[in-house]
Protein backbone atom coordinates (compact mmCIF):
# COMPACT_ATOMS: atom_id res chain seq x y z
CA UNK A 1 10.78 -7.62 18.22
CA UNK A 2 14.04 -9.57 18.31
CA UNK A 3 14.36 -10.27 14.58
CA UNK A 4 13.33 -6.76 13.56
CA UNK A 5 15.14 -5.95 10.29
CA UNK A 6 14.64 -2.20 10.74
CA UNK A 7 16.49 0.22 12.96
CA UNK A 8 15.25 3.66 14.00
CA UNK A 9 16.77 5.38 10.96
CA UNK A 10 14.99 2.95 8.62
CA UNK A 11 11.72 3.53 10.48
CA UNK A 12 12.10 7.30 10.22
CA UNK A 13 12.83 7.04 6.48
CA UNK A 14 9.75 4.87 5.92
CA UNK A 15 7.56 7.25 7.89
CA UNK A 16 8.77 10.30 5.97
CA UNK A 17 8.32 8.51 2.63
CA UNK A 18 4.75 7.61 3.60
CA UNK A 19 4.02 11.26 4.28
CA UNK A 20 5.40 12.49 0.94
CA UNK A 21 7.39 10.05 -1.18
CA UNK A 22 7.31 12.28 -4.23
CA UNK A 23 8.32 15.51 -2.56
CA UNK A 24 10.81 14.21 -0.03
CA UNK A 25 14.33 14.36 -1.42
CA UNK A 26 17.26 12.53 0.12
CA UNK A 27 18.43 15.92 1.44
CA UNK A 28 15.04 16.68 3.01
CA UNK A 29 14.98 13.30 4.75
CA UNK A 30 18.61 13.76 5.80
CA UNK A 31 17.74 17.09 7.43
CA UNK A 32 14.92 15.41 9.37
CA UNK A 33 17.10 12.52 10.54
CA UNK A 34 20.47 14.22 11.18
CA UNK A 35 22.41 12.07 8.71
CA UNK A 36 23.77 12.80 5.23
CA UNK A 37 21.86 12.58 1.98
CA UNK A 38 24.22 9.83 0.85
CA UNK A 39 23.29 7.72 3.87
CA UNK A 40 19.61 8.25 3.14
CA UNK A 41 20.08 7.33 -0.52
CA UNK A 42 21.93 4.14 0.43
CA UNK A 43 19.37 3.17 3.08
CA UNK A 44 16.44 3.67 0.69
CA UNK A 45 18.24 1.56 -1.91
CA UNK A 46 18.75 -1.20 0.70
CA UNK A 47 15.10 -1.04 1.75
CA UNK A 48 14.09 -1.41 -1.91
CA UNK A 49 16.48 -4.33 -2.44
CA UNK A 50 15.16 -6.04 0.72
CA UNK A 51 11.62 -5.48 -0.66
CA UNK A 52 10.62 -3.48 2.39
CA UNK A 53 9.78 -0.68 -0.06
CA UNK A 54 7.84 -2.24 -2.92
CA UNK A 55 7.12 0.87 -4.94
CA UNK A 56 5.85 4.42 -5.01
CA UNK A 57 2.26 4.98 -6.08
CA UNK A 58 0.33 8.19 -6.56
CA UNK A 59 -2.88 8.75 -4.62
CA UNK A 60 -5.49 9.43 -7.29
CA UNK A 61 -8.76 11.31 -6.97
CA UNK A 62 -10.73 9.15 -9.40
CA UNK A 63 -13.75 11.46 -9.32
CA UNK A 64 -11.63 14.44 -10.42
CA UNK A 65 -10.14 12.21 -13.14
CA UNK A 66 -13.63 11.53 -14.54
CA UNK A 67 -14.42 8.24 -12.76
CA UNK A 68 -16.95 9.16 -10.05
CA UNK A 69 -18.13 5.60 -9.36
CA UNK A 70 -16.14 3.57 -6.83
CA UNK A 71 -17.56 0.23 -5.83
CA UNK A 72 -16.24 -2.33 -3.36
CA UNK A 73 -17.24 -5.88 -4.21
CA UNK A 74 -17.04 -8.39 -1.37
CA UNK A 75 -16.49 -11.76 -3.04
CA UNK A 76 -16.07 -15.40 -2.14
CA UNK A 77 -13.85 -17.99 -3.71
CA UNK A 78 -12.21 -21.22 -2.60
CA UNK A 79 -9.28 -20.47 -0.32
CA UNK A 80 -7.01 -22.65 -2.44
CA UNK A 81 -7.79 -20.47 -5.48
CA UNK A 82 -7.83 -17.09 -3.73
CA UNK A 83 -4.40 -15.85 -4.93
CA UNK A 84 -5.00 -16.95 -8.52
CA UNK A 85 -8.45 -15.34 -8.50
CA UNK A 86 -6.97 -12.12 -7.12
CA UNK A 87 -4.51 -11.95 -10.02
CA UNK A 88 -7.28 -12.66 -12.54
CA UNK A 89 -9.55 -10.05 -10.93
CA UNK A 90 -6.85 -7.42 -11.51
CA UNK A 91 -7.39 -7.95 -15.25
CA UNK A 92 -11.10 -7.03 -15.01
CA UNK A 93 -12.10 -3.66 -16.44
CA UNK A 94 -11.97 -0.93 -13.80
CA UNK A 95 -10.36 -2.98 -11.01
CA UNK A 96 -7.79 -0.91 -9.11
CA UNK A 97 -7.34 -2.92 -5.93
CA UNK A 98 -7.82 -6.52 -4.81
CA UNK A 99 -7.34 -7.58 -1.21
CA UNK A 100 -7.04 -11.18 -0.12
CA UNK A 101 -8.55 -11.94 3.29
CA UNK A 102 -6.80 -14.59 5.37
CA UNK A 103 -9.84 -16.82 5.81
CA UNK A 104 -13.61 -16.89 5.78
CA UNK A 105 -16.31 -16.78 3.16
CA UNK A 106 -15.85 -13.15 2.10
CA UNK A 107 -12.19 -13.61 1.26
CA UNK A 108 -11.63 -11.32 -1.73
CA UNK A 109 -12.38 -7.58 -1.71
CA UNK A 110 -12.31 -6.00 -5.16
CA UNK A 111 -12.39 -2.23 -5.72
CA UNK A 112 -13.64 -0.98 -9.08
CA UNK A 113 -13.66 2.56 -10.45
CA UNK A 114 -15.95 3.52 -13.29
CA UNK A 115 -17.31 6.42 -15.26
CA UNK A 116 -20.92 5.23 -15.11
CA UNK A 117 -23.20 2.51 -13.77
CA UNK A 118 -23.02 0.71 -17.11
CA UNK A 119 -19.25 0.33 -16.62
CA UNK A 120 -19.81 -1.13 -13.15
CA UNK A 121 -22.21 -3.62 -14.71
CA UNK A 122 -19.52 -4.75 -17.17
CA UNK A 123 -17.04 -5.21 -14.30
CA UNK A 124 -19.64 -7.15 -12.32
CA UNK A 125 -20.26 -9.49 -15.25
CA UNK A 126 -16.51 -10.04 -15.75
CA UNK A 127 -16.00 -10.85 -12.05
CA UNK A 128 -18.90 -13.31 -12.27
CA UNK A 129 -17.40 -14.93 -15.39
CA UNK A 130 -14.19 -15.54 -13.44
CA UNK A 131 -16.20 -17.65 -11.02
CA UNK A 132 -16.18 -15.19 -8.14
CA UNK A 133 -19.33 -15.16 -6.06
CA UNK A 134 -20.21 -11.55 -5.32
CA UNK A 135 -21.64 -11.53 -1.81
CA UNK A 136 -22.27 -7.80 -1.62
CA UNK A 137 -21.27 -4.54 -3.22
CA UNK A 138 -20.95 -1.11 -1.69
CA UNK A 139 -20.58 2.30 -3.28
CA UNK A 140 -17.58 3.99 -1.70
CA UNK A 141 -18.13 7.61 -0.72
CA UNK A 142 -14.76 8.55 0.75
CA UNK A 143 -11.59 6.81 1.81
CA UNK A 144 -9.38 8.10 4.57
CA UNK A 145 -5.82 6.87 4.99
CA UNK A 146 -2.79 7.95 6.93
CA UNK A 147 0.85 6.96 7.21
CA UNK A 148 1.39 4.19 9.71
CA UNK A 149 3.01 6.26 12.42
CA UNK A 150 4.55 3.39 14.40
CA UNK A 151 7.59 3.51 12.11
CA UNK A 152 8.41 6.82 13.72
CA UNK A 153 7.93 5.81 17.36
CA UNK A 154 10.90 5.14 19.56
CA UNK A 155 11.25 1.45 20.30
CA UNK A 156 11.64 0.50 23.96
CA UNK A 157 15.28 0.22 24.90
CA UNK A 158 16.56 2.12 21.85
CA UNK A 159 17.75 5.70 22.17
CA UNK A 160 15.95 8.47 20.29
CA UNK A 161 19.19 9.52 18.62
CA UNK A 162 21.06 7.45 16.09
CA UNK A 163 23.84 5.24 17.32
CA UNK A 164 27.32 5.67 15.93
CA UNK A 165 26.87 2.61 13.68
CA UNK A 166 23.63 4.01 12.22
CA UNK A 167 25.17 7.31 11.26
CA UNK A 168 28.12 5.86 9.37
CA UNK A 169 28.04 6.49 5.64
CA UNK A 170 27.26 3.28 3.75
């Protein structure tokens, strides 16, 4: 990609943060990337300022936290209202995630966590009151995620080691 804003060091940092953002110190990442902790600190700060890194969120086991019900609502709304509806849906009781689909009828996916079926019913009613058409709902059993490993892959034409300009303290 010609206009790629990331170099190999940035990609390595992002990959390592995806694996363990809480436990990975600047020193740990520095040891993995053969640069100093100061360089890592500065690069992470730049990635945050550029809004490449938007935040750090814990992965929560809702069932262990007392909320065993996880339901995915597939909803429809007018495309012109999709973003506004997504923001409003985040205010609904139990909603933890809203995904906007690019196009199509089923263009808003809303994830709800709840303690009991009665709580899911309240969330369903609130989504309906917003004007969302619930097309279908699915009880989520498990979710499996992984770090996007392409950040860590060598890009064609770039050396595996850091260039002199990448290793300079910033």
